[in-house]
Amino acid sequence: MKATEQKVMRAMRLADATAGAVRFVETEVPQPKPNAGEVLVRVHAAGVTASEVMWSPTTQTKEGAPRANAIVAHEFSGVVAEVGADVRDFRAGQEIYGMNDWYAEGALAEYCVAKPSDIAPKPAKLTHIEAASVPISALTAWQGLLDRAQLQSGHRVLIHGASGGVGVFAVQLAHIRGAHVIATASEINRDFVTQLGADEFIDYKSQRFEDIARDIDVVFDGVGGETFNRSLAVLKPGGRIITIAASAEAEAANDERVKNAFFIVEPNQKQLIEVTKLIDAGKLKPVVDAVVPLADAASAYNGSVKNRQGRGKIVIEITGP
């Protein structure tokens, strides 16, 4: 290859995301080059956040201009392929995991670029596929429960969507913190969620959680809608509710608890390193629901992946070891 030739890579570009009909186009695009203070990652696997295809950073630039053909998936596990100038903490060949900026091109490609502050060494106990399911979900649970809700030992915490991608980490982290964990999910996941650390289980299909849960210090809501609204009634005075399922009604509400409930996860290397320690110590484990190849990425965003268990997160395999 001539020095002047641009390296290319395989990537999935978002072509359409209307009415649940998500469509990607597999194509070759220029391989990114890390700028100063950035690293180039050879992506082995990427975690799926299905709703991302509809988010504003996917459909528009930071300046508000329309953005087309985005490369989505912003959590990943892989190997550092190249480091830009001024990068001291990482080296080429190092196994890492983490996330990158929502407005940047993501990890549904053979390579992506990230800031060193947004990644960490990959947990030694995990494969790349397992590790790719961790960063966004674990940091969301960490920042929601520990940073925003200030969860303490002895608190009573109600976790909705306990078997989901974020919920599995929320249950485990709340248990590790010493809280009394009440979890909602479908009956089929009762034993699974209990093994994660739930002290009480509520089948949301056959039971009304507000008839069972009382004097709750913290609600962590991964469902939204009616579930969020009904959850306000179970909070004790001074209790906090956190949701990762925002709505326009909630954001416009007058109730301060409601207005302050929603947040968006942010990259945090220090917290990700703490997550890594818990994983390598055997105290925290990821849950991979299904693995799909890059060519079938659309199925993960359309909800058409077969043989799912409804537990944890779907991961897309980009390249082999």
C-alpha atoms as a PDB file:
ATOM      1  CA  MET A   1       0.000   0.000   0.000  1.00  0.00           C
ATOM      2  CA  LYS A   2       1.340   3.400  -0.933  1.00  0.00           C
ATOM      3  CA  ALA A   3       1.974   5.835   1.906  1.00  0.00           C
ATOM      4  CA  THR A   4      -0.572   8.226   0.460  1.00  0.00           C
ATOM      5  CA  GLU A   5      -3.378   5.633   0.288  1.00  0.00           C
ATOM      6  CA  GLN A   6      -6.121   5.881   2.904  1.00  0.00           C
ATOM      7  CA  LYS A   7      -6.761   2.714   4.882  1.00  0.00           C
ATOM      8  CA  VAL A   8     -10.356   1.566   4.813  1.00  0.00           C
ATOM      9  CA  MET A   9     -12.451  -0.521   7.200  1.00  0.00           C
ATOM     10  CA  ARG A  10     -15.744  -2.378   7.232  1.00  0.00           C
ATOM     11  CA  ALA A  11     -18.584  -0.555   8.975  1.00  0.00           C
ATOM     12  CA  MET A  12     -22.364  -0.540   9.330  1.00  0.00           C
ATOM     13  CA  ARG A  13     -23.908   2.848   8.621  1.00  0.00           C
ATOM     14  CA  LEU A  14     -27.409   3.678   9.833  1.00  0.00           C
ATOM     15  CA  ALA A  15     -29.613   4.113   6.757  1.00  0.00           C
ATOM     16  CA  ASP A  16     -33.084   4.264   8.296  1.00  0.00           C
ATOM     17  CA  ALA A  17     -34.629   4.155  11.770  1.00  0.00           C
ATOM     18  CA  THR A  18     -38.322   4.889  11.426  1.00  0.00           C
ATOM     19  CA  ALA A  19     -41.215   3.039  13.057  1.00  0.00           C
ATOM     20  CA  GLY A  20     -38.929   0.344  14.393  1.00  0.00           C
ATOM     21  CA  ALA A  21     -37.657  -0.524  10.915  1.00  0.00           C
ATOM     22  CA  VAL A  22     -33.947  -0.069  11.556  1.00  0.00           C
ATOM     23  CA  ARG A  23     -31.778  -0.606   8.517  1.00  0.00           C
ATOM     24  CA  PHE A  24     -28.004  -0.514   8.172  1.00  0.00           C
ATOM     25  CA  VAL A  25     -25.818  -0.494   5.088  1.00  0.00           C
ATOM     26  CA  GLU A  26     -22.560  -2.407   5.267  1.00  0.00           C
ATOM     27  CA  THR A  27     -19.839  -0.447   3.533  1.00  0.00           C
ATOM     28  CA  GLU A  28     -16.158   0.379   3.475  1.00  0.00           C
ATOM     29  CA  VAL A  29     -15.236   3.735   4.990  1.00  0.00           C
ATOM     30  CA  PRO A  30     -11.927   5.445   5.724  1.00  0.00           C
ATOM     31  CA  GLN A  31     -10.256   4.061   8.814  1.00  0.00           C
ATOM     32  CA  PRO A  32     -10.100   6.854  11.415  1.00  0.00           C
ATOM     33  CA  LYS A  33      -6.795   8.300  12.526  1.00  0.00           C
ATOM     34  CA  PRO A  34      -6.342   9.238  16.189  1.00  0.00           C
ATOM     35  CA  ASN A  35      -5.660  12.894  16.834  1.00  0.00           C
ATOM     36  CA  ALA A  36      -3.510  14.109  19.708  1.00  0.00           C
ATOM     37  CA  GLY A  37      -4.983  12.845  22.963  1.00  0.00           C
ATOM     38  CA  GLU A  38      -6.935  10.018  21.296  1.00  0.00           C
ATOM     39  CA  VAL A  39      -6.526   6.286  20.780  1.00  0.00           C
ATOM     40  CA  LEU A  40      -7.517   4.136  17.825  1.00  0.00           C
ATOM     41  CA  VAL A  41      -9.284   0.965  18.921  1.00  0.00           C
ATOM     42  CA  ARG A  42      -9.562  -2.215  16.885  1.00  0.00           C
ATOM     43  CA  VAL A  43     -13.064  -3.218  17.918  1.00  0.00           C
ATOM     44  CA  HIS A  44     -13.725  -6.851  18.801  1.00  0.00           C
ATOM     45  CA  ALA A  45     -17.280  -6.424  20.101  1.00  0.00           C
ATOM     46  CA  ALA A  46     -19.852  -3.687  20.664  1.00  0.00           C
ATOM     47  CA  GLY A  47     -22.763  -3.477  23.093  1.00  0.00           C
ATOM     48  CA  VAL A  48     -26.239  -2.599  21.810  1.00  0.00           C
ATOM     49  CA  THR A  49     -28.438   0.206  23.122  1.00  0.00           C
ATOM     50  CA  ALA A  50     -31.372  -0.211  20.768  1.00  0.00           C
ATOM     51  CA  SER A  51     -32.966   3.188  21.394  1.00  0.00           C
ATOM     52  CA  GLU A  52     -29.769   4.966  20.378  1.00  0.00           C
ATOM     53  CA  VAL A  53     -30.798   4.985  16.726  1.00  0.00           C
ATOM     54  CA  MET A  54     -33.501   7.552  17.586  1.00  0.00           C
ATOM     55  CA  TRP A  55     -31.436   9.808  19.852  1.00  0.00           C
ATOM     56  CA  SER A  56     -30.547  13.321  18.788  1.00  0.00           C
ATOM     57  CA  PRO A  57     -26.757  12.729  18.753  1.00  0.00           C
ATOM     58  CA  THR A  58     -27.412  10.015  16.157  1.00  0.00           C
ATOM     59  CA  THR A  59     -29.618  12.172  13.961  1.00  0.00           C
ATOM     60  CA  GLN A  60     -27.896  15.540  14.284  1.00  0.00           C
ATOM     61  CA  THR A  61     -24.494  17.073  14.927  1.00  0.00           C
ATOM     62  CA  LYS A  62     -23.527  18.948  18.091  1.00  0.00           C
ATOM     63  CA  GLU A  63     -24.321  22.138  16.182  1.00  0.00           C
ATOM     64  CA  GLY A  64     -27.821  20.905  15.382  1.00  0.00           C
ATOM     65  CA  ALA A  65     -27.333  20.178  11.700  1.00  0.00           C
ATOM     66  CA  PRO A  66     -28.823  16.959  10.276  1.00  0.00           C
ATOM     67  CA  ARG A  67     -26.533  13.954  10.624  1.00  0.00           C
ATOM     68  CA  ALA A  68     -26.934  11.066   8.197  1.00  0.00           C
ATOM     69  CA  ASN A  69     -25.441   7.581   7.968  1.00  0.00           C
ATOM     70  CA  ALA A  70     -24.077   7.549  11.513  1.00  0.00           C
ATOM     71  CA  ILE A  71     -22.069   4.635  12.854  1.00  0.00           C
ATOM     72  CA  VAL A  72     -23.758   3.757  16.150  1.00  0.00           C
ATOM     73  CA  ALA A  73     -22.866   1.651  19.235  1.00  0.00           C
ATOM     74  CA  HIS A  74     -20.781   3.597  21.717  1.00  0.00           C
ATOM     75  CA  GLU A  75     -19.582   0.902  24.099  1.00  0.00           C
ATOM     76  CA  PHE A  76     -16.986  -1.580  23.010  1.00  0.00           C
ATOM     77  CA  SER A  77     -14.176  -3.920  23.859  1.00  0.00           C
ATOM     78  CA  GLY A  78     -11.064  -4.269  21.766  1.00  0.00           C
ATOM     79  CA  VAL A  79      -7.359  -3.642  21.426  1.00  0.00           C
ATOM     80  CA  VAL A  80      -5.503  -0.346  21.128  1.00  0.00           C
ATOM     81  CA  ALA A  81      -4.263  -0.203  17.552  1.00  0.00           C
ATOM     82  CA  GLU A  82      -2.562   3.194  17.675  1.00  0.00           C
ATOM     83  CA  VAL A  83      -2.121   6.049  20.107  1.00  0.00           C
ATOM     84  CA  GLY A  84      -2.121   9.712  19.213  1.00  0.00           C
ATOM     85  CA  ALA A  85       0.382  12.261  20.426  1.00  0.00           C
ATOM     86  CA  ASP A  86       0.321  13.036  24.153  1.00  0.00           C
ATOM     87  CA  VAL A  87      -1.236   9.659  25.111  1.00  0.00           C
ATOM     88  CA  ARG A  88       0.749   8.177  27.976  1.00  0.00           C
ATOM     89  CA  ASP A  89      -1.548   5.743  29.789  1.00  0.00           C
ATOM     90  CA  PHE A  90      -2.220   3.307  26.951  1.00  0.00           C
ATOM     91  CA  ARG A  91      -0.070   1.461  24.434  1.00  0.00           C
ATOM     92  CA  ALA A  92      -0.647  -0.318  21.144  1.00  0.00           C
ATOM     93  CA  GLY A  93      -1.655  -3.938  21.670  1.00  0.00           C
ATOM     94  CA  GLN A  94      -3.340  -3.314  25.028  1.00  0.00           C
ATOM     95  CA  GLU A  95      -6.777  -4.817  25.635  1.00  0.00           C
ATOM     96  CA  ILE A  96      -9.282  -2.151  26.679  1.00  0.00           C
ATOM     97  CA  TYR A  97     -12.993  -1.485  27.018  1.00  0.00           C
ATOM     98  CA  GLY A  98     -15.049   1.653  27.379  1.00  0.00           C
ATOM     99  CA  MET A  99     -17.235   4.076  25.487  1.00  0.00           C
ATOM    100  CA  ASN A 100     -16.865   7.103  23.251  1.00  0.00           C
ATOM    101  CA  ASP A 101     -18.712  10.343  22.609  1.00  0.00           C
ATOM    102  CA  TRP A 102     -22.329   9.980  21.456  1.00  0.00           C
ATOM    103  CA  TYR A 103     -21.685  12.374  18.551  1.00  0.00           C
ATOM    104  CA  ALA A 104     -18.581  10.474  17.422  1.00  0.00           C
ATOM    105  CA  GLU A 105     -18.678   7.544  15.022  1.00  0.00           C
ATOM    106  CA  GLY A 106     -19.307   4.455  17.120  1.00  0.00           C
ATOM    107  CA  ALA A 107     -18.177   0.855  17.273  1.00  0.00           C
ATOM    108  CA  LEU A 108     -20.246  -0.887  14.585  1.00  0.00           C
ATOM    109  CA  ALA A 109     -17.033  -0.878  12.619  1.00  0.00           C
ATOM    110  CA  GLU A 110     -13.643  -2.528  12.691  1.00  0.00           C
ATOM    111  CA  TYR A 111     -12.108   0.568  14.291  1.00  0.00           C
ATOM    112  CA  CYS A 112     -13.243   3.541  16.354  1.00  0.00           C
ATOM    113  CA  VAL A 113     -11.576   6.448  18.120  1.00  0.00           C
ATOM    114  CA  ALA A 114     -11.881   7.212  21.825  1.00  0.00           C
ATOM    115  CA  LYS A 115     -10.385   9.461  24.464  1.00  0.00           C
ATOM    116  CA  PRO A 116      -8.091   7.757  26.980  1.00  0.00           C
ATOM    117  CA  SER A 117     -10.264   9.157  29.793  1.00  0.00           C
ATOM    118  CA  ASP A 118     -13.250   7.206  28.409  1.00  0.00           C
ATOM    119  CA  ILE A 119     -11.639   3.744  28.409  1.00  0.00           C
ATOM    120  CA  ALA A 120      -9.922   1.406  30.868  1.00  0.00           C
ATOM    121  CA  PRO A 121      -7.982  -1.865  30.754  1.00  0.00           C
ATOM    122  CA  LYS A 122     -10.353  -4.740  30.003  1.00  0.00           C
ATOM    123  CA  PRO A 123     -11.238  -6.991  32.957  1.00  0.00           C
ATOM    124  CA  ALA A 124      -8.906  -9.982  32.844  1.00  0.00           C
ATOM    125  CA  LYS A 125     -11.753 -12.399  33.557  1.00  0.00           C
ATOM    126  CA  LEU A 126     -13.878 -11.335  30.618  1.00  0.00           C
ATOM    127  CA  THR A 127     -13.868 -12.093  26.914  1.00  0.00           C
ATOM    128  CA  HIS A 128     -14.249  -9.157  24.576  1.00  0.00           C
ATOM    129  CA  ILE A 129     -17.880 -10.107  24.005  1.00  0.00           C
ATOM    130  CA  GLU A 130     -18.614 -10.105  27.737  1.00  0.00           C
ATOM    131  CA  ALA A 131     -16.656  -6.885  28.280  1.00  0.00           C
ATOM    132  CA  ALA A 132     -18.552  -5.046  25.534  1.00  0.00           C
ATOM    133  CA  SER A 133     -21.784  -5.431  27.503  1.00  0.00           C
ATOM    134  CA  VAL A 134     -20.404  -3.598  30.526  1.00  0.00           C
ATOM    135  CA  PRO A 135     -19.385   0.077  30.083  1.00  0.00           C
ATOM    136  CA  ILE A 136     -22.639   1.925  29.394  1.00  0.00           C
ATOM    137  CA  SER A 137     -24.841  -0.384  31.473  1.00  0.00           C
ATOM    138  CA  ALA A 138     -22.570  -0.597  34.506  1.00  0.00           C
ATOM    139  CA  LEU A 139     -21.773   3.119  34.509  1.00  0.00           C
ATOM    140  CA  THR A 140     -25.472   3.965  34.145  1.00  0.00           C
ATOM    141  CA  ALA A 141     -26.291   1.855  37.200  1.00  0.00           C
ATOM    142  CA  TRP A 142     -23.312   3.266  39.111  1.00  0.00           C
ATOM    143  CA  GLN A 143     -24.039   6.910  38.346  1.00  0.00           C
ATOM    144  CA  GLY A 144     -27.768   6.534  38.908  1.00  0.00           C
ATOM    145  CA  LEU A 145     -27.647   4.633  42.178  1.00  0.00           C
ATOM    146  CA  LEU A 146     -24.436   5.814  43.787  1.00  0.00           C
ATOM    147  CA  ASP A 147     -23.850   9.331  42.428  1.00  0.00           C
ATOM    148  CA  ARG A 148     -27.348  10.704  41.953  1.00  0.00           C
ATOM    149  CA  ALA A 149     -29.447   8.695  44.413  1.00  0.00           C
ATOM    150  CA  GLN A 150     -26.664   8.430  47.020  1.00  0.00           C
ATOM    151  CA  LEU A 151     -27.665   4.839  47.807  1.00  0.00           C
ATOM    152  CA  GLN A 152     -26.482   3.728  51.247  1.00  0.00           C
ATOM    153  CA  SER A 153     -26.299   0.467  53.163  1.00  0.00           C
ATOM    154  CA  GLY A 154     -29.695  -0.338  54.634  1.00  0.00           C
ATOM    155  CA  HIS A 155     -31.651   1.667  52.085  1.00  0.00           C
ATOM    156  CA  ARG A 156     -34.689   0.063  50.510  1.00  0.00           C
ATOM    157  CA  VAL A 157     -34.311   0.230  46.732  1.00  0.00           C
ATOM    158  CA  LEU A 158     -36.903  -0.709  44.106  1.00  0.00           C
ATOM    159  CA  ILE A 159     -35.402  -1.633  40.731  1.00  0.00           C
ATOM    160  CA  HIS A 160     -37.673  -1.827  37.681  1.00  0.00           C
ATOM    161  CA  GLY A 161     -36.505  -3.823  34.675  1.00  0.00           C
ATOM    162  CA  ALA A 162     -34.146  -5.823  36.873  1.00  0.00           C
ATOM    163  CA  SER A 163     -33.294  -8.393  34.212  1.00  0.00           C
ATOM    164  CA  GLY A 164     -32.436  -5.816  31.522  1.00  0.00           C
ATOM    165  CA  GLY A 165     -29.059  -4.592  30.349  1.00  0.00           C
ATOM    166  CA  VAL A 166     -28.801  -1.896  33.031  1.00  0.00           C
ATOM    167  CA  GLY A 167     -30.990  -3.642  35.588  1.00  0.00           C
ATOM    168  CA  VAL A 168     -28.650  -6.587  36.069  1.00  0.00           C
ATOM    169  CA  PHE A 169     -25.899  -4.195  37.148  1.00  0.00           C
ATOM    170  CA  ALA A 170     -28.248  -2.093  39.280  1.00  0.00           C
ATOM    171  CA  VAL A 171     -29.327  -5.150  41.269  1.00  0.00           C
ATOM    172  CA  GLN A 172     -25.756  -6.301  41.801  1.00  0.00           C
ATOM    173  CA  LEU A 173     -24.389  -2.872  42.747  1.00  0.00           C
ATOM    174  CA  ALA A 174     -27.254  -2.210  45.158  1.00  0.00           C
ATOM    175  CA  HIS A 175     -26.647  -5.605  46.766  1.00  0.00           C
ATOM    176  CA  ILE A 176     -22.920  -4.924  47.035  1.00  0.00           C
ATOM    177  CA  ARG A 177     -23.672  -1.555  48.658  1.00  0.00           C
ATOM    178  CA  GLY A 178     -25.752  -3.350  51.328  1.00  0.00           C
ATOM    179  CA  ALA A 179     -29.192  -2.124  50.283  1.00  0.00           C
ATOM    180  CA  HIS A 180     -32.393  -4.134  50.595  1.00  0.00           C
ATOM    181  CA  VAL A 181     -33.188  -4.837  46.950  1.00  0.00           C
ATOM    182  CA  ILE A 182     -36.747  -5.214  45.651  1.00  0.00           C
ATOM    183  CA  ALA A 183     -36.728  -6.097  41.958  1.00  0.00           C
ATOM    184  CA  THR A 184     -39.428  -6.220  39.290  1.00  0.00           C
ATOM    185  CA  ALA A 185     -39.217  -8.417  36.215  1.00  0.00           C
ATOM    186  CA  SER A 186     -41.197 -11.226  34.596  1.00  0.00           C
ATOM    187  CA  GLU A 187     -41.768 -14.435  36.562  1.00  0.00           C
ATOM    188  CA  ILE A 188     -39.508 -16.432  34.265  1.00  0.00           C
ATOM    189  CA  ASN A 189     -36.565 -14.388  35.565  1.00  0.00           C
ATOM    190  CA  ARG A 190     -37.352 -14.768  39.283  1.00  0.00           C
ATOM    191  CA  ASP A 191     -34.504 -17.169  40.099  1.00  0.00           C
ATOM    192  CA  PHE A 192     -32.077 -15.301  37.867  1.00  0.00           C
ATOM    193  CA  VAL A 193     -32.741 -11.905  39.473  1.00  0.00           C
ATOM    194  CA  THR A 194     -32.691 -13.392  42.982  1.00  0.00           C
ATOM    195  CA  GLN A 195     -29.284 -14.905  42.278  1.00  0.00           C
ATOM    196  CA  LEU A 196     -28.044 -11.483  41.235  1.00  0.00           C
ATOM    197  CA  GLY A 197     -28.825 -10.210  44.738  1.00  0.00           C
ATOM    198  CA  ALA A 198     -32.505  -9.270  44.937  1.00  0.00           C
ATOM    199  CA  ASP A 199     -34.022  -9.734  48.386  1.00  0.00           C
ATOM    200  CA  GLU A 200     -37.600  -9.528  47.123  1.00  0.00           C
ATOM    201  CA  PHE A 201     -39.005 -10.216  43.675  1.00  0.00           C
ATOM    202  CA  ILE A 202     -42.178  -8.828  42.110  1.00  0.00           C
ATOM    203  CA  ASP A 203     -43.647 -10.266  38.915  1.00  0.00           C
ATOM    204  CA  TYR A 204     -44.780  -7.103  37.161  1.00  0.00           C
ATOM    205  CA  LYS A 205     -47.246  -9.031  35.007  1.00  0.00           C
ATOM    206  CA  SER A 206     -49.287 -10.470  37.874  1.00  0.00           C
ATOM    207  CA  GLN A 207     -48.537  -8.139  40.799  1.00  0.00           C
ATOM    208  CA  ARG A 208     -48.802  -4.416  41.365  1.00  0.00           C
ATOM    209  CA  PHE A 209     -45.538  -3.324  42.900  1.00  0.00           C
ATOM    210  CA  GLU A 210     -47.198  -0.487  44.841  1.00  0.00           C
ATOM    211  CA  ASP A 211     -49.233  -3.097  46.728  1.00  0.00           C
ATOM    212  CA  ILE A 212     -46.025  -4.711  47.961  1.00  0.00           C
ATOM    213  CA  ALA A 213     -43.212  -2.133  48.054  1.00  0.00           C
ATOM    214  CA  ARG A 214     -43.394   0.440  50.854  1.00  0.00           C
ATOM    215  CA  ASP A 215     -41.148   3.149  52.312  1.00  0.00           C
ATOM    216  CA  ILE A 216     -38.707   3.073  49.420  1.00  0.00           C
ATOM    217  CA  ASP A 217     -35.575   5.204  49.690  1.00  0.00           C
ATOM    218  CA  VAL A 218     -34.578   4.869  46.033  1.00  0.00           C
ATOM    219  CA  VAL A 219     -36.434   3.844  42.892  1.00  0.00           C
ATOM    220  CA  PHE A 220     -34.243   2.957  39.918  1.00  0.00           C
ATOM    221  CA  ASP A 221     -36.525   2.867  36.889  1.00  0.00           C
ATOM    222  CA  GLY A 222     -35.501   1.163  33.687  1.00  0.00           C
ATOM    223  CA  VAL A 223     -39.015   0.984  32.236  1.00  0.00           C
ATOM    224  CA  GLY A 224     -40.556   4.465  32.263  1.00  0.00           C
ATOM    225  CA  GLY A 225     -44.099   5.506  31.355  1.00  0.00           C
ATOM    226  CA  GLU A 226     -46.811   4.319  33.721  1.00  0.00           C
ATOM    227  CA  THR A 227     -44.271   2.412  35.807  1.00  0.00           C
ATOM    228  CA  PHE A 228     -42.413   5.632  36.531  1.00  0.00           C
ATOM    229  CA  ASN A 229     -45.574   7.524  37.438  1.00  0.00           C
ATOM    230  CA  ARG A 230     -46.817   4.800  39.768  1.00  0.00           C
ATOM    231  CA  SER A 231     -43.439   4.606  41.480  1.00  0.00           C
ATOM    232  CA  LEU A 232     -43.768   8.050  43.029  1.00  0.00           C
ATOM    233  CA  ALA A 233     -46.365   6.700  45.452  1.00  0.00           C
ATOM    234  CA  VAL A 234     -43.991   4.158  47.038  1.00  0.00           C
ATOM    235  CA  LEU A 235     -41.244   6.667  47.880  1.00  0.00           C
ATOM    236  CA  LYS A 236     -40.789   7.606  51.508  1.00  0.00           C
ATOM    237  CA  PRO A 237     -40.489  11.347  52.324  1.00  0.00           C
ATOM    238  CA  GLY A 238     -37.140  12.487  50.938  1.00  0.00           C
ATOM    239  CA  GLY A 239     -36.859   9.406  48.741  1.00  0.00           C
ATOM    240  CA  ARG A 240     -35.312   9.681  45.301  1.00  0.00           C
ATOM    241  CA  ILE A 241     -36.399   8.315  41.938  1.00  0.00           C
ATOM    242  CA  ILE A 242     -33.972   7.826  39.057  1.00  0.00           C
ATOM    243  CA  THR A 243     -35.018   6.873  35.553  1.00  0.00           C
ATOM    244  CA  ILE A 244     -33.193   6.029  32.351  1.00  0.00           C
ATOM    245  CA  ALA A 245     -36.451   6.137  30.357  1.00  0.00           C
ATOM    246  CA  ALA A 246     -37.161   9.830  29.885  1.00  0.00           C
ATOM    247  CA  SER A 247     -40.414  11.327  28.665  1.00  0.00           C
ATOM    248  CA  ALA A 248     -41.386  14.826  27.605  1.00  0.00           C
ATOM    249  CA  GLU A 249     -44.046  14.863  30.331  1.00  0.00           C
ATOM    250  CA  ALA A 250     -41.510  14.023  33.031  1.00  0.00           C
ATOM    251  CA  GLU A 251     -39.056  16.639  31.888  1.00  0.00           C
ATOM    252  CA  ALA A 252     -41.795  19.305  31.908  1.00  0.00           C
ATOM    253  CA  ALA A 253     -43.211  18.299  35.297  1.00  0.00           C
ATOM    254  CA  ASN A 254     -43.411  20.653  38.287  1.00  0.00           C
ATOM    255  CA  ASP A 255     -42.523  17.939  40.820  1.00  0.00           C
ATOM    256  CA  GLU A 256     -38.812  18.345  41.560  1.00  0.00           C
ATOM    257  CA  ARG A 257     -38.439  14.604  42.112  1.00  0.00           C
ATOM    258  CA  VAL A 258     -39.693  14.026  38.599  1.00  0.00           C
ATOM    259  CA  LYS A 259     -37.669  16.812  36.986  1.00  0.00           C
ATOM    260  CA  ASN A 260     -34.475  15.543  38.591  1.00  0.00           C
ATOM    261  CA  ALA A 261     -35.126  11.870  37.879  1.00  0.00           C
ATOM    262  CA  PHE A 262     -33.659  11.566  34.406  1.00  0.00           C
ATOM    263  CA  PHE A 263     -29.968  11.560  33.582  1.00  0.00           C
ATOM    264  CA  ILE A 264     -27.657  10.464  30.769  1.00  0.00           C
ATOM    265  CA  VAL A 265     -24.621   8.341  31.518  1.00  0.00           C
ATOM    266  CA  GLU A 266     -21.218   9.955  31.097  1.00  0.00           C
ATOM    267  CA  PRO A 267     -17.855   8.295  30.472  1.00  0.00           C
ATOM    268  CA  ASN A 268     -15.864   7.959  33.689  1.00  0.00           C
ATOM    269  CA  GLN A 269     -12.566   6.095  33.699  1.00  0.00           C
ATOM    270  CA  LYS A 270     -12.229   6.077  37.485  1.00  0.00           C
ATOM    271  CA  GLN A 271     -15.638   4.445  37.911  1.00  0.00           C
ATOM    272  CA  LEU A 272     -14.954   1.993  35.089  1.00  0.00           C
ATOM    273  CA  ILE A 273     -11.749   0.921  36.831  1.00  0.00           C
ATOM    274  CA  GLU A 274     -13.749   0.309  40.018  1.00  0.00           C
ATOM    275  CA  VAL A 275     -16.200  -1.773  37.978  1.00  0.00           C
ATOM    276  CA  THR A 276     -13.250  -3.743  36.607  1.00  0.00           C
ATOM    277  CA  LYS A 277     -12.014  -4.463  40.125  1.00  0.00           C
ATOM    278  CA  LEU A 278     -15.428  -5.777  41.155  1.00  0.00           C
ATOM    279  CA  ILE A 279     -15.598  -7.980  38.048  1.00  0.00           C
ATOM    280  CA  ASP A 280     -12.126  -9.426  38.491  1.00  0.00           C
ATOM    281  CA  ALA A 281     -12.883 -10.041  42.176  1.00  0.00           C
ATOM    282  CA  GLY A 282     -15.927 -12.083  41.179  1.00  0.00           C
ATOM    283  CA  LYS A 283     -18.379  -9.679  42.846  1.00  0.00           C
ATOM    284  CA  LEU A 284     -19.944  -8.295  39.672  1.00  0.00           C
ATOM    285  CA  LYS A 285     -20.752 -10.158  36.489  1.00  0.00           C
ATOM    286  CA  PRO A 286     -22.009  -9.120  33.070  1.00  0.00           C
ATOM    287  CA  VAL A 287     -24.924 -10.869  31.402  1.00  0.00           C
ATOM    288  CA  VAL A 288     -24.901 -11.302  27.620  1.00  0.00           C
ATOM    289  CA  ASP A 289     -28.347 -12.033  26.208  1.00  0.00           C
ATOM    290  CA  ALA A 290     -27.289 -12.864  22.657  1.00  0.00           C
ATOM    291  CA  VAL A 291     -24.382 -12.414  20.268  1.00  0.00           C
ATOM    292  CA  VAL A 292     -24.920 -11.458  16.635  1.00  0.00           C
ATOM    293  CA  PRO A 293     -22.409 -10.892  13.816  1.00  0.00           C
ATOM    294  CA  LEU A 294     -21.812  -7.442  12.401  1.00  0.00           C
ATOM    295  CA  ALA A 295     -23.666  -8.293   9.201  1.00  0.00           C
ATOM    296  CA  ASP A 296     -26.847  -8.965  11.230  1.00  0.00           C
ATOM    297  CA  ALA A 297     -26.595  -5.820  13.372  1.00  0.00           C
ATOM    298  CA  ALA A 298     -30.038  -4.587  12.306  1.00  0.00           C
ATOM    299  CA  SER A 299     -31.701  -7.524  14.066  1.00  0.00           C
ATOM    300  CA  ALA A 300     -30.306  -6.335  17.389  1.00  0.00           C
ATOM    301  CA  TYR A 301     -31.882  -2.908  16.933  1.00  0.00           C
ATOM    302  CA  ASN A 302     -35.152  -4.186  15.438  1.00  0.00           C
ATOM    303  CA  GLY A 303     -35.809  -6.581  18.312  1.00  0.00           C
ATOM    304  CA  SER A 304     -35.778  -9.575  15.968  1.00  0.00           C
ATOM    305  CA  VAL A 305     -32.856 -11.544  17.446  1.00  0.00           C
ATOM    306  CA  LYS A 306     -33.991 -15.118  17.995  1.00  0.00           C
ATOM    307  CA  ASN A 307     -33.395 -17.273  21.091  1.00  0.00           C
ATOM    308  CA  ARG A 308     -33.098 -14.360  23.484  1.00  0.00           C
ATOM    309  CA  GLN A 309     -33.543 -14.963  27.203  1.00  0.00           C
ATOM    310  CA  GLY A 310     -34.603 -11.413  28.042  1.00  0.00           C
ATOM    311  CA  ARG A 311     -31.619 -11.063  30.346  1.00  0.00           C
ATOM    312  CA  GLY A 312     -28.795  -8.577  30.016  1.00  0.00           C
ATOM    313  CA  LYS A 313     -27.556  -7.046  26.786  1.00  0.00           C
ATOM    314  CA  ILE A 314     -27.155  -8.018  23.146  1.00  0.00           C
ATOM    315  CA  VAL A 315     -23.582  -7.807  21.863  1.00  0.00           C
ATOM    316  CA  ILE A 316     -22.413  -7.541  18.256  1.00  0.00           C
ATOM    317  CA  GLU A 317     -19.224  -9.379  17.390  1.00  0.00           C
ATOM    318  CA  ILE A 318     -17.050  -7.300  15.093  1.00  0.00           C
ATOM    319  CA  THR A 319     -13.753  -9.199  14.817  1.00  0.00           C
ATOM    320  CA  GLY A 320     -12.379 -12.393  16.305  1.00  0.00           C
ATOM    321  CA  PRO A 321      -9.612 -12.626  18.910  1.00  0.00           C
END
